[in-house]
Amino acid sequence: MELIPELNVLDLDDSPHAIMFGNLSDGFEIIGPFNGWDSALEYDQKYIHWGPTWIMPMKEPAANE
């Protein structure tokens, strides 16, 4: 992953992402993985119309965690 100098944020578009939605009362669901943030956002905007969502990068588990 590279830092984008103009934005000073990580470029996470190449890493797999997932969409999380729901709430504490009803529980949360996770949809994914998607090939990058843009793909997850596109799916979110087209198909999820019930409440707030969060798009997050997915990480591989580390052996020492």
C-alpha atoms as a PDB file:
ATOM      1  CA  MET A   1       0.000   0.000   0.000  1.00  0.00           C
ATOM      2  CA  GLU A   2       1.201   3.476  -0.803  1.00  0.00           C
ATOM      3  CA  LEU A   3       0.481   6.839   0.740  1.00  0.00           C
ATOM      4  CA  ILE A   4      -1.201   9.280  -1.612  1.00  0.00           C
ATOM      5  CA  PRO A   5       0.741  12.508  -0.961  1.00  0.00           C
ATOM      6  CA  GLU A   6      -2.047  14.854  -2.080  1.00  0.00           C
ATOM      7  CA  LEU A   7      -4.572  13.277   0.291  1.00  0.00           C
ATOM      8  CA  ASN A   8      -2.228  11.956   2.988  1.00  0.00           C
ATOM      9  CA  VAL A   9      -4.225   8.714   3.188  1.00  0.00           C
ATOM     10  CA  LEU A  10      -3.444   5.114   2.367  1.00  0.00           C
ATOM     11  CA  ASP A  11      -4.363   3.905  -1.100  1.00  0.00           C
ATOM     12  CA  LEU A  12      -6.420   0.877  -0.100  1.00  0.00           C
ATOM     13  CA  ASP A  13      -8.078   0.379  -3.464  1.00  0.00           C
ATOM     14  CA  ASP A  14      -6.002  -2.692  -4.372  1.00  0.00           C
ATOM     15  CA  SER A  15      -6.698  -4.587  -1.148  1.00  0.00           C
ATOM     16  CA  PRO A  16      -9.863  -6.645  -0.595  1.00  0.00           C
ATOM     17  CA  HIS A  17     -12.714  -4.807   1.123  1.00  0.00           C
ATOM     18  CA  ALA A  18     -15.970  -5.759   2.809  1.00  0.00           C
ATOM     19  CA  ILE A  19     -19.196  -3.913   3.592  1.00  0.00           C
ATOM     20  CA  MET A  20     -20.612  -4.036   7.118  1.00  0.00           C
ATOM     21  CA  PHE A  21     -24.147  -2.959   7.909  1.00  0.00           C
ATOM     22  CA  GLY A  22     -26.648  -3.314  10.719  1.00  0.00           C
ATOM     23  CA  ASN A  23     -26.947  -2.104  14.297  1.00  0.00           C
ATOM     24  CA  LEU A  24     -26.320  -3.246  17.858  1.00  0.00           C
ATOM     25  CA  SER A  25     -29.935  -4.311  18.426  1.00  0.00           C
ATOM     26  CA  ASP A  26     -30.416  -6.441  15.314  1.00  0.00           C
ATOM     27  CA  GLY A  27     -26.790  -7.425  14.761  1.00  0.00           C
ATOM     28  CA  PHE A  28     -24.355  -6.753  11.956  1.00  0.00           C
ATOM     29  CA  GLU A  29     -23.806  -8.453   8.614  1.00  0.00           C
ATOM     30  CA  ILE A  30     -20.714  -8.419   6.448  1.00  0.00           C
ATOM     31  CA  ILE A  31     -20.795  -8.699   2.657  1.00  0.00           C
ATOM     32  CA  GLY A  32     -17.657  -9.352   0.658  1.00  0.00           C
ATOM     33  CA  PRO A  33     -14.889  -9.567  -0.223  1.00  0.00           C
ATOM     34  CA  PHE A  34     -14.780  -7.060  -3.046  1.00  0.00           C
ATOM     35  CA  ASN A  35     -11.818  -6.225  -5.285  1.00  0.00           C
ATOM     36  CA  GLY A  36     -11.067  -2.818  -3.813  1.00  0.00           C
ATOM     37  CA  TRP A  37     -12.904   0.079  -2.216  1.00  0.00           C
ATOM     38  CA  ASP A  38     -14.511   1.270  -5.449  1.00  0.00           C
ATOM     39  CA  SER A  39     -16.137  -2.121  -6.089  1.00  0.00           C
ATOM     40  CA  ALA A  40     -17.503  -2.247  -2.555  1.00  0.00           C
ATOM     41  CA  LEU A  41     -18.849   1.296  -2.843  1.00  0.00           C
ATOM     42  CA  GLU A  42     -20.535   0.528  -6.161  1.00  0.00           C
ATOM     43  CA  TYR A  43     -22.258  -2.551  -4.696  1.00  0.00           C
ATOM     44  CA  ASP A  44     -23.278  -0.567  -1.618  1.00  0.00           C
ATOM     45  CA  GLN A  45     -24.862   2.205  -3.667  1.00  0.00           C
ATOM     46  CA  LYS A  46     -26.700  -0.198  -6.018  1.00  0.00           C
ATOM     47  CA  TYR A  47     -27.977  -2.886  -3.666  1.00  0.00           C
ATOM     48  CA  ILE A  48     -27.970  -1.805  -0.015  1.00  0.00           C
ATOM     49  CA  HIS A  49     -30.722   0.655   0.800  1.00  0.00           C
ATOM     50  CA  TRP A  50     -31.482  -0.059   4.452  1.00  0.00           C
ATOM     51  CA  GLY A  51     -29.456   2.009   6.863  1.00  0.00           C
ATOM     52  CA  PRO A  52     -25.841   3.036   7.269  1.00  0.00           C
ATOM     53  CA  THR A  53     -22.963   0.969   5.950  1.00  0.00           C
ATOM     54  CA  TRP A  54     -19.209   0.876   6.555  1.00  0.00           C
ATOM     55  CA  ILE A  55     -16.655  -0.145   3.945  1.00  0.00           C
ATOM     56  CA  MET A  56     -13.507  -1.574   5.429  1.00  0.00           C
ATOM     57  CA  PRO A  57     -10.266  -3.108   4.144  1.00  0.00           C
ATOM     58  CA  MET A  58      -9.700  -6.767   4.955  1.00  0.00           C
ATOM     59  CA  LYS A  59      -6.402  -7.964   6.383  1.00  0.00           C
ATOM     60  CA  GLU A  60      -4.920 -11.437   6.479  1.00  0.00           C
ATOM     61  CA  PRO A  61      -4.525 -12.783  10.003  1.00  0.00           C
ATOM     62  CA  ALA A  62      -0.969 -12.668  11.268  1.00  0.00           C
ATOM     63  CA  ALA A  63       0.547 -15.818  12.739  1.00  0.00           C
ATOM     64  CA  ASN A  64       1.769 -14.011  15.848  1.00  0.00           C
ATOM     65  CA  GLU A  65      -1.532 -12.356  16.816  1.00  0.00           C
END
